[in-house]
PDB file of N, CA and C in Angstrom:
ATOM      1  N   MET A   1     -32.093  -4.713  14.587  1.00  0.00           N
ATOM      2  CA  MET A   1     -31.262  -5.087  15.600  1.00  0.00           C
ATOM      3  C   MET A   1     -29.794  -4.949  15.050  1.00  0.00           C
ATOM      4  N   GLU A   2     -29.345  -5.371  13.997  1.00  0.00           N
ATOM      5  CA  GLU A   2     -27.943  -4.999  13.571  1.00  0.00           C
ATOM      6  C   GLU A   2     -27.662  -3.572  13.507  1.00  0.00           C
ATOM      7  N   ARG A   3     -28.542  -2.766  13.001  1.00  0.00           N
ATOM      8  CA  ARG A   3     -28.269  -1.347  12.970  1.00  0.00           C
ATOM      9  C   ARG A   3     -27.940  -0.956  14.409  1.00  0.00           C
ATOM     10  N   ASP A   4     -28.651  -1.214  15.356  1.00  0.00           N
ATOM     11  CA  ASP A   4     -28.567  -0.724  16.681  1.00  0.00           C
ATOM     12  C   ASP A   4     -27.161  -1.141  17.257  1.00  0.00           C
ATOM     13  N   MET A   5     -26.601  -2.409  16.870  1.00  0.00           N
ATOM     14  CA  MET A   5     -25.241  -2.660  17.274  1.00  0.00           C
ATOM     15  C   MET A   5     -24.252  -1.897  16.559  1.00  0.00           C
ATOM     16  N   LEU A   6     -24.452  -1.522  15.362  1.00  0.00           N
ATOM     17  CA  LEU A   6     -23.563  -0.506  14.757  1.00  0.00           C
ATOM     18  C   LEU A   6     -23.507   0.739  15.110  1.00  0.00           C
ATOM     19  N   ASP A   7     -24.638   1.370  15.703  1.00  0.00           N
ATOM     20  CA  ASP A   7     -24.888   2.743  16.189  1.00  0.00           C
ATOM     21  C   ASP A   7     -24.213   2.749  17.776  1.00  0.00           C
ATOM     22  N   ASN A   8     -24.071   1.670  18.292  1.00  0.00           N
ATOM     23  CA  ASN A   8     -23.602   1.821  19.745  1.00  0.00           C
ATOM     24  C   ASN A   8     -21.902   1.451  19.714  1.00  0.00           C
ATOM     25  N   GLN A   9     -21.271   1.167  18.624  1.00  0.00           N
ATOM     26  CA  GLN A   9     -19.890   1.015  18.586  1.00  0.00           C
ATOM     27  C   GLN A   9     -19.105   2.486  18.242  1.00  0.00           C
ATOM     28  N   ASP A  10     -18.275   2.534  18.893  1.00  0.00           N
ATOM     29  CA  ASP A  10     -17.406   3.760  18.695  1.00  0.00           C
ATOM     30  C   ASP A  10     -16.006   3.442  17.942  1.00  0.00           C
ATOM     31  N   VAL A  11     -16.059   3.656  16.918  1.00  0.00           N
ATOM     32  CA  VAL A  11     -14.797   3.239  15.875  1.00  0.00           C
ATOM     33  C   VAL A  11     -13.869   4.506  15.624  1.00  0.00           C
ATOM     34  N   SER A  12     -12.665   4.589  16.144  1.00  0.00           N
ATOM     35  CA  SER A  12     -11.775   5.609  15.814  1.00  0.00           C
ATOM     36  C   SER A  12     -11.155   5.555  14.501  1.00  0.00           C
ATOM     37  N   LEU A  13     -10.829   6.628  14.110  1.00  0.00           N
ATOM     38  CA  LEU A  13      -9.929   6.838  12.959  1.00  0.00           C
ATOM     39  C   LEU A  13      -8.574   5.760  12.898  1.00  0.00           C
ATOM     40  N   LEU A  14      -8.131   5.781  13.970  1.00  0.00           N
ATOM     41  CA  LEU A  14      -6.857   4.973  14.379  1.00  0.00           C
ATOM     42  C   LEU A  14      -7.161   3.388  13.898  1.00  0.00           C
ATOM     43  N   ASP A  15      -8.422   3.083  14.610  1.00  0.00           N
ATOM     44  CA  ASP A  15      -8.790   1.627  14.296  1.00  0.00           C
ATOM     45  C   ASP A  15      -8.993   1.147  12.815  1.00  0.00           C
ATOM     46  N   VAL A  16      -9.596   2.185  12.347  1.00  0.00           N
ATOM     47  CA  VAL A  16      -9.832   2.092  10.716  1.00  0.00           C
ATOM     48  C   VAL A  16      -8.497   1.938  10.015  1.00  0.00           C
ATOM     49  N   LEU A  17      -7.665   2.864  10.329  1.00  0.00           N
ATOM     50  CA  LEU A  17      -6.228   2.984   9.686  1.00  0.00           C
ATOM     51  C   LEU A  17      -5.638   1.643  10.009  1.00  0.00           C
ATOM     52  N   ASP A  18      -5.642   1.129  11.130  1.00  0.00           N
ATOM     53  CA  ASP A  18      -4.818  -0.142  11.496  1.00  0.00           C
ATOM     54  C   ASP A  18      -5.429  -1.231  10.642  1.00  0.00           C
ATOM     55  N   ALA A  19      -6.723  -1.204  10.745  1.00  0.00           N
ATOM     56  CA  ALA A  19      -7.387  -2.485   9.905  1.00  0.00           C
ATOM     57  C   ALA A  19      -6.904  -2.363   8.468  1.00  0.00           C
ATOM     58  N   VAL A  20      -6.851  -1.125   7.798  1.00  0.00           N
ATOM     59  CA  VAL A  20      -6.615  -0.921   6.471  1.00  0.00           C
ATOM     60  C   VAL A  20      -5.139  -1.383   6.100  1.00  0.00           C
ATOM     61  N   LEU A  21      -4.224  -0.889   7.079  1.00  0.00           N
ATOM     62  CA  LEU A  21      -2.845  -0.957   6.824  1.00  0.00           C
ATOM     63  C   LEU A  21      -2.639  -2.595   7.093  1.00  0.00           C
ATOM     64  N   GLU A  22      -3.297  -3.173   7.921  1.00  0.00           N
ATOM     65  CA  GLU A  22      -2.894  -4.716   8.275  1.00  0.00           C
ATOM     66  C   GLU A  22      -3.395  -5.438   7.048  1.00  0.00           C
ATOM     67  N   LYS A  23      -4.580  -5.294   6.430  1.00  0.00           N
ATOM     68  CA  LYS A  23      -4.903  -6.050   5.254  1.00  0.00           C
ATOM     69  C   LYS A  23      -4.436  -5.486   3.960  1.00  0.00           C
ATOM     70  N   GLY A  24      -4.262  -4.121   3.857  1.00  0.00           N
ATOM     71  CA  GLY A  24      -3.918  -3.558   2.544  1.00  0.00           C
ATOM     72  C   GLY A  24      -5.255  -3.213   1.684  1.00  0.00           C
ATOM     73  N   VAL A  25      -4.984  -2.185   0.908  1.00  0.00           N
ATOM     74  CA  VAL A  25      -6.161  -1.658   0.116  1.00  0.00           C
ATOM     75  C   VAL A  25      -5.627  -1.071  -1.184  1.00  0.00           C
ATOM     76  N   VAL A  26      -6.257  -1.387  -2.303  1.00  0.00           N
ATOM     77  CA  VAL A  26      -5.843  -0.878  -3.671  1.00  0.00           C
ATOM     78  C   VAL A  26      -6.939  -0.226  -4.181  1.00  0.00           C
ATOM     79  N   LEU A  27      -6.493   1.188  -4.505  1.00  0.00           N
ATOM     80  CA  LEU A  27      -7.588   2.197  -5.158  1.00  0.00           C
ATOM     81  C   LEU A  27      -7.405   2.408  -6.505  1.00  0.00           C
ATOM     82  N   ARG A  28      -8.269   2.507  -7.390  1.00  0.00           N
ATOM     83  CA  ARG A  28      -7.933   2.695  -8.900  1.00  0.00           C
ATOM     84  C   ARG A  28      -8.950   3.804  -9.337  1.00  0.00           C
ATOM     85  N   GLY A  29      -8.621   4.605 -10.134  1.00  0.00           N
ATOM     86  CA  GLY A  29      -9.541   5.477 -10.687  1.00  0.00           C
ATOM     87  C   GLY A  29      -9.043   6.335 -11.661  1.00  0.00           C
ATOM     88  N   ASP A  30      -9.817   6.925 -12.511  1.00  0.00           N
ATOM     89  CA  ASP A  30      -9.533   7.631 -13.711  1.00  0.00           C
ATOM     90  C   ASP A  30     -10.026   9.155 -13.434  1.00  0.00           C
ATOM     91  N   ILE A  31      -9.366  10.188 -13.807  1.00  0.00           N
ATOM     92  CA  ILE A  31      -9.840  11.490 -13.616  1.00  0.00           C
ATOM     93  C   ILE A  31      -9.438  12.218 -14.957  1.00  0.00           C
ATOM     94  N   THR A  32     -10.580  12.856 -15.620  1.00  0.00           N
ATOM     95  CA  THR A  32     -10.218  13.479 -16.844  1.00  0.00           C
ATOM     96  C   THR A  32     -10.741  15.021 -16.766  1.00  0.00           C
ATOM     97  N   ILE A  33     -10.029  15.954 -16.845  1.00  0.00           N
ATOM     98  CA  ILE A  33     -10.264  17.220 -16.798  1.00  0.00           C
ATOM     99  C   ILE A  33     -10.451  17.736 -18.455  1.00  0.00           C
ATOM    100  N   SER A  34     -11.717  18.379 -18.651  1.00  0.00           N
ATOM    101  CA  SER A  34     -12.013  18.656 -19.878  1.00  0.00           C
ATOM    102  C   SER A  34     -12.761  19.970 -19.880  1.00  0.00           C
ATOM    103  N   ILE A  35     -12.674  20.787 -21.036  1.00  0.00           N
ATOM    104  CA  ILE A  35     -13.376  21.998 -21.322  1.00  0.00           C
ATOM    105  C   ILE A  35     -13.963  21.951 -22.684  1.00  0.00           C
ATOM    106  N   ALA A  36     -15.253  22.261 -22.924  1.00  0.00           N
ATOM    107  CA  ALA A  36     -15.829  22.262 -24.079  1.00  0.00           C
ATOM    108  C   ALA A  36     -15.658  20.858 -24.773  1.00  0.00           C
ATOM    109  N   ASP A  37     -15.844  19.763 -24.088  1.00  0.00           N
ATOM    110  CA  ASP A  37     -15.781  18.605 -24.627  1.00  0.00           C
ATOM    111  C   ASP A  37     -14.482  18.222 -25.303  1.00  0.00           C
ATOM    112  N   ILE A  38     -13.200  18.901 -24.858  1.00  0.00           N
ATOM    113  CA  ILE A  38     -11.930  18.628 -25.219  1.00  0.00           C
ATOM    114  C   ILE A  38     -11.233  18.144 -23.914  1.00  0.00           C
ATOM    115  N   ASP A  39     -10.586  17.061 -23.989  1.00  0.00           N
ATOM    116  CA  ASP A  39      -9.768  16.521 -22.966  1.00  0.00           C
ATOM    117  C   ASP A  39      -8.538  16.980 -22.775  1.00  0.00           C
ATOM    118  N   LEU A  40      -8.109  17.773 -21.580  1.00  0.00           N
ATOM    119  CA  LEU A  40      -6.972  18.524 -21.456  1.00  0.00           C
ATOM    120  C   LEU A  40      -6.034  17.649 -20.591  1.00  0.00           C
ATOM    121  N   VAL A  41      -6.639  16.922 -19.619  1.00  0.00           N
ATOM    122  CA  VAL A  41      -5.822  16.266 -18.747  1.00  0.00           C
ATOM    123  C   VAL A  41      -6.307  14.910 -18.254  1.00  0.00           C
ATOM    124  N   TYR A  42      -5.714  13.763 -18.415  1.00  0.00           N
ATOM    125  CA  TYR A  42      -6.245  12.393 -18.100  1.00  0.00           C
ATOM    126  C   TYR A  42      -5.199  11.979 -17.201  1.00  0.00           C
ATOM    127  N   LEU A  43      -5.705  11.528 -15.986  1.00  0.00           N
ATOM    128  CA  LEU A  43      -4.964  10.680 -14.939  1.00  0.00           C
ATOM    129  C   LEU A  43      -5.431   9.468 -14.670  1.00  0.00           C
ATOM    130  N   ASP A  44      -4.690   8.423 -14.662  1.00  0.00           N
ATOM    131  CA  ASP A  44      -4.933   7.188 -14.398  1.00  0.00           C
ATOM    132  C   ASP A  44      -4.354   6.834 -13.098  1.00  0.00           C
ATOM    133  N   LEU A  45      -5.115   6.737 -12.022  1.00  0.00           N
ATOM    134  CA  LEU A  45      -4.437   6.630 -10.612  1.00  0.00           C
ATOM    135  C   LEU A  45      -4.657   5.262 -10.216  1.00  0.00           C
ATOM    136  N   ARG A  46      -3.443   4.736  -9.610  1.00  0.00           N
ATOM    137  CA  ARG A  46      -3.304   3.401  -8.965  1.00  0.00           C
ATOM    138  C   ARG A  46      -2.649   3.581  -7.727  1.00  0.00           C
ATOM    139  N   ILE A  47      -3.302   3.169  -6.604  1.00  0.00           N
ATOM    140  CA  ILE A  47      -2.815   3.420  -5.083  1.00  0.00           C
ATOM    141  C   ILE A  47      -2.925   2.342  -4.439  1.00  0.00           C
ATOM    142  N   LEU A  48      -1.622   1.883  -3.959  1.00  0.00           N
ATOM    143  CA  LEU A  48      -1.592   0.631  -2.937  1.00  0.00           C
ATOM    144  C   LEU A  48      -1.369   1.315  -1.531  1.00  0.00           C
ATOM    145  N   LEU A  49      -1.859   1.017  -0.542  1.00  0.00           N
ATOM    146  CA  LEU A  49      -1.806   1.547   0.768  1.00  0.00           C
ATOM    147  C   LEU A  49      -1.823   0.226   1.635  1.00  0.00           C
ATOM    148  N   SER A  50      -0.477  -0.127   2.330  1.00  0.00           N
ATOM    149  CA  SER A  50      -0.374  -1.279   3.132  1.00  0.00           C
ATOM    150  C   SER A  50       0.778  -0.891   4.023  1.00  0.00           C
ATOM    151  N   SER A  51       0.807  -1.780   5.176  1.00  0.00           N
ATOM    152  CA  SER A  51       2.102  -1.637   5.974  1.00  0.00           C
ATOM    153  C   SER A  51       3.208  -2.406   5.126  1.00  0.00           C
ATOM    154  N   VAL A  52       4.467  -2.067   5.711  1.00  0.00           N
ATOM    155  CA  VAL A  52       5.694  -2.660   5.145  1.00  0.00           C
ATOM    156  C   VAL A  52       5.587  -4.332   5.340  1.00  0.00           C
ATOM    157  N   ASP A  53       5.156  -4.740   6.500  1.00  0.00           N
ATOM    158  CA  ASP A  53       5.073  -6.015   6.910  1.00  0.00           C
ATOM    159  C   ASP A  53       4.145  -6.753   5.862  1.00  0.00           C
ATOM    160  N   THR A  54       2.943  -6.148   5.619  1.00  0.00           N
ATOM    161  CA  THR A  54       1.899  -6.785   4.766  1.00  0.00           C
ATOM    162  C   THR A  54       2.613  -6.819   3.378  1.00  0.00           C
ATOM    163  N   LEU A  55       3.242  -5.871   2.744  1.00  0.00           N
ATOM    164  CA  LEU A  55       3.738  -5.690   1.528  1.00  0.00           C
ATOM    165  C   LEU A  55       4.920  -6.775   1.450  1.00  0.00           C
ATOM    166  N   ILE A  56       5.774  -7.152   2.365  1.00  0.00           N
ATOM    167  CA  ILE A  56       6.658  -8.023   2.253  1.00  0.00           C
ATOM    168  C   ILE A  56       6.276  -9.374   2.280  1.00  0.00           C
ATOM    169  N   ASP A  57       5.355  -9.713   3.097  1.00  0.00           N
ATOM    170  CA  ASP A  57       4.636 -10.958   3.275  1.00  0.00           C
ATOM    171  C   ASP A  57       3.928 -11.336   1.968  1.00  0.00           C
ATOM    172  N   SER A  58       3.221 -10.343   1.330  1.00  0.00           N
ATOM    173  CA  SER A  58       2.510 -10.692  -0.024  1.00  0.00           C
ATOM    174  C   SER A  58       3.463 -10.872  -1.092  1.00  0.00           C
ATOM    175  N   ALA A  59       4.639 -10.121  -1.099  1.00  0.00           N
ATOM    176  CA  ALA A  59       5.555 -10.284  -2.080  1.00  0.00           C
ATOM    177  C   ALA A  59       6.467 -11.719  -2.047  1.00  0.00           C
ATOM    178  N   GLN A  60       6.288 -12.394  -0.776  1.00  0.00           N
ATOM    179  CA  GLN A  60       7.067 -13.435  -0.529  1.00  0.00           C
ATOM    180  C   GLN A  60       6.091 -14.593  -0.791  1.00  0.00           C
ATOM    181  N   GLY A  61       4.994 -14.341  -1.365  1.00  0.00           N
ATOM    182  CA  GLY A  61       3.956 -15.409  -1.702  1.00  0.00           C
ATOM    183  C   GLY A  61       3.198 -15.811  -0.472  1.00  0.00           C
ATOM    184  N   LYS A  62       2.987 -15.003   0.607  1.00  0.00           N
ATOM    185  CA  LYS A  62       2.329 -15.318   1.624  1.00  0.00           C
ATOM    186  C   LYS A  62       3.165 -16.366   2.670  1.00  0.00           C
ATOM    187  N   ARG A  63       4.435 -16.483   2.402  1.00  0.00           N
ATOM    188  CA  ARG A  63       5.272 -17.323   3.160  1.00  0.00           C
ATOM    189  C   ARG A  63       5.668 -16.704   4.555  1.00  0.00           C
ATOM    190  N   GLN A  64       5.307 -17.356   5.592  1.00  0.00           N
ATOM    191  CA  GLN A  64       5.649 -16.886   6.940  1.00  0.00           C
ATOM    192  C   GLN A  64       7.216 -16.728   7.246  1.00  0.00           C
ATOM    193  N   ALA A  65       7.706 -15.523   7.410  1.00  0.00           N
ATOM    194  CA  ALA A  65       9.000 -15.275   7.712  1.00  0.00           C
ATOM    195  C   ALA A  65       9.392 -15.614   9.129  1.00  0.00           C
ATOM    196  N   THR A  66      10.495 -16.295   9.468  1.00  0.00           N
ATOM    197  CA  THR A  66      10.753 -16.599  10.923  1.00  0.00           C
ATOM    198  C   THR A  66      11.176 -15.476  11.684  1.00  0.00           C
ATOM    199  N   ASP A  67      11.854 -14.421  11.053  1.00  0.00           N
ATOM    200  CA  ASP A  67      12.327 -13.380  11.850  1.00  0.00           C
ATOM    201  C   ASP A  67      12.014 -12.044  10.606  1.00  0.00           C
ATOM    202  N   LYS A  68      11.000 -11.472  11.248  1.00  0.00           N
ATOM    203  CA  LYS A  68      10.705 -10.168  10.302  1.00  0.00           C
ATOM    204  C   LYS A  68      11.827  -9.244  10.192  1.00  0.00           C
ATOM    205  N   GLY A  69      12.610  -9.066  11.406  1.00  0.00           N
ATOM    206  CA  GLY A  69      13.550  -8.087  11.451  1.00  0.00           C
ATOM    207  C   GLY A  69      14.686  -8.514  10.419  1.00  0.00           C
ATOM    208  N   GLU A  70      15.090  -9.698  10.144  1.00  0.00           N
ATOM    209  CA  GLU A  70      16.097 -10.244   9.386  1.00  0.00           C
ATOM    210  C   GLU A  70      15.526 -10.204   7.912  1.00  0.00           C
ATOM    211  N   THR A  71      14.212 -10.337   7.640  1.00  0.00           N
ATOM    212  CA  THR A  71      13.683 -10.121   6.249  1.00  0.00           C
ATOM    213  C   THR A  71      13.631  -8.773   5.917  1.00  0.00           C
ATOM    214  N   ILE A  72      13.412  -7.738   6.723  1.00  0.00           N
ATOM    215  CA  ILE A  72      13.509  -6.319   6.360  1.00  0.00           C
ATOM    216  C   ILE A  72      14.812  -5.861   6.125  1.00  0.00           C
ATOM    217  N   ARG A  73      15.766  -6.479   6.852  1.00  0.00           N
ATOM    218  CA  ARG A  73      17.210  -5.974   6.830  1.00  0.00           C
ATOM    219  C   ARG A  73      17.798  -6.510   5.467  1.00  0.00           C
ATOM    220  N   SER A  74      17.336  -7.782   5.044  1.00  0.00           N
ATOM    221  CA  SER A  74      17.804  -8.291   3.897  1.00  0.00           C
ATOM    222  C   SER A  74      17.472  -7.668   2.616  1.00  0.00           C
ATOM    223  N   TRP A  75      15.826  -7.293   2.717  1.00  0.00           N
ATOM    224  CA  TRP A  75      15.445  -6.450   1.736  1.00  0.00           C
ATOM    225  C   TRP A  75      16.070  -5.158   1.648  1.00  0.00           C
ATOM    226  N   GLU A  76      16.332  -4.386   2.590  1.00  0.00           N
ATOM    227  CA  GLU A  76      16.942  -3.293   2.569  1.00  0.00           C
ATOM    228  C   GLU A  76      18.402  -3.277   1.885  1.00  0.00           C
ATOM    229  N   LYS A  77      19.197  -4.458   2.144  1.00  0.00           N
ATOM    230  CA  LYS A  77      20.491  -4.716   1.660  1.00  0.00           C
ATOM    231  C   LYS A  77      20.326  -4.933  -0.043  1.00  0.00           C
ATOM    232  N   GLU A  78      19.314  -5.539  -0.337  1.00  0.00           N
ATOM    233  CA  GLU A  78      19.170  -5.685  -1.889  1.00  0.00           C
ATOM    234  C   GLU A  78      18.873  -4.411  -2.451  1.00  0.00           C
ATOM    235  N   GLU A  79      18.061  -3.509  -1.952  1.00  0.00           N
ATOM    236  CA  GLU A  79      17.665  -2.254  -2.444  1.00  0.00           C
ATOM    237  C   GLU A  79      18.832  -1.432  -2.525  1.00  0.00           C
ATOM    238  N   THR A  80      19.793  -1.349  -1.405  1.00  0.00           N
ATOM    239  CA  THR A  80      21.102  -0.659  -1.276  1.00  0.00           C
ATOM    240  C   THR A  80      21.850  -1.149  -2.456  1.00  0.00           C
ATOM    241  N   ALA A  81      22.067  -2.488  -2.476  1.00  0.00           N
ATOM    242  CA  ALA A  81      22.894  -2.991  -3.774  1.00  0.00           C
ATOM    243  C   ALA A  81      22.443  -2.672  -5.170  1.00  0.00           C
ATOM    244  N   ASP A  82      21.225  -2.541  -5.274  1.00  0.00           N
ATOM    245  CA  ASP A  82      20.602  -2.360  -6.603  1.00  0.00           C
ATOM    246  C   ASP A  82      21.048  -0.872  -7.043  1.00  0.00           C
ATOM    247  N   GLY A  83      20.722  -0.018  -5.959  1.00  0.00           N
ATOM    248  CA  GLY A  83      21.146   1.335  -5.895  1.00  0.00           C
ATOM    249  C   GLY A  83      22.502   1.644  -6.410  1.00  0.00           C
ATOM    250  N   ALA A  84      23.363   0.983  -5.586  1.00  0.00           N
ATOM    251  CA  ALA A  84      24.768   1.135  -5.822  1.00  0.00           C
ATOM    252  C   ALA A  84      25.263   0.757  -7.219  1.00  0.00           C
ATOM    253  N   ASN A  85      24.570  -0.436  -7.783  1.00  0.00           N
ATOM    254  CA  ASN A  85      24.918  -1.059  -9.067  1.00  0.00           C
ATOM    255  C   ASN A  85      24.571  -0.042 -10.207  1.00  0.00           C
ATOM    256  N   ALA A  86      23.086   0.660  -9.971  1.00  0.00           N
ATOM    257  CA  ALA A  86      22.872   1.596 -10.903  1.00  0.00           C
ATOM    258  C   ALA A  86      23.707   2.812 -10.918  1.00  0.00           C
ATOM    259  N   ALA A  87      24.325   3.305  -9.749  1.00  0.00           N
ATOM    260  CA  ALA A  87      24.976   4.524  -9.929  1.00  0.00           C
ATOM    261  C   ALA A  87      26.417   4.094 -10.398  1.00  0.00           C
ATOM    262  N   THR A  88      26.971   2.955 -10.299  1.00  0.00           N
ATOM    263  CA  THR A  88      28.196   2.826 -10.864  1.00  0.00           C
ATOM    264  C   THR A  88      28.087   2.463 -12.528  1.00  0.00           C
ATOM    265  N   SER A  89      27.119   1.980 -12.973  1.00  0.00           N
ATOM    266  CA  SER A  89      26.865   1.853 -14.436  1.00  0.00           C
ATOM    267  C   SER A  89      26.546   3.100 -15.168  1.00  0.00           C
ATOM    268  N   ARG A  90      26.404   4.123 -14.576  1.00  0.00           N
ATOM    269  CA  ARG A  90      26.269   5.497 -15.127  1.00  0.00           C
ATOM    270  C   ARG A  90      27.361   6.095 -15.684  1.00  0.00           C
TER     271      ARG A  90
END
């Protein structure tokens, strides 16, 4: 019965991408390229995929912001100020 319900649903790639960006997903993996049992390249991959709103909400400890636009603008100002401080210290 449950399998029939899944077969009848049309899920687009956009629906899947929307759900992933809303919740966020973390991917982690290791890749080793070797020849004759000699490791040549090792990659430790860590990927975070989420929307900006999800990332900001998570960084604020799940606190609900009253105005999302103001939160993003204040975050951008902090980033700009940090970049200016780094440039002047060189």
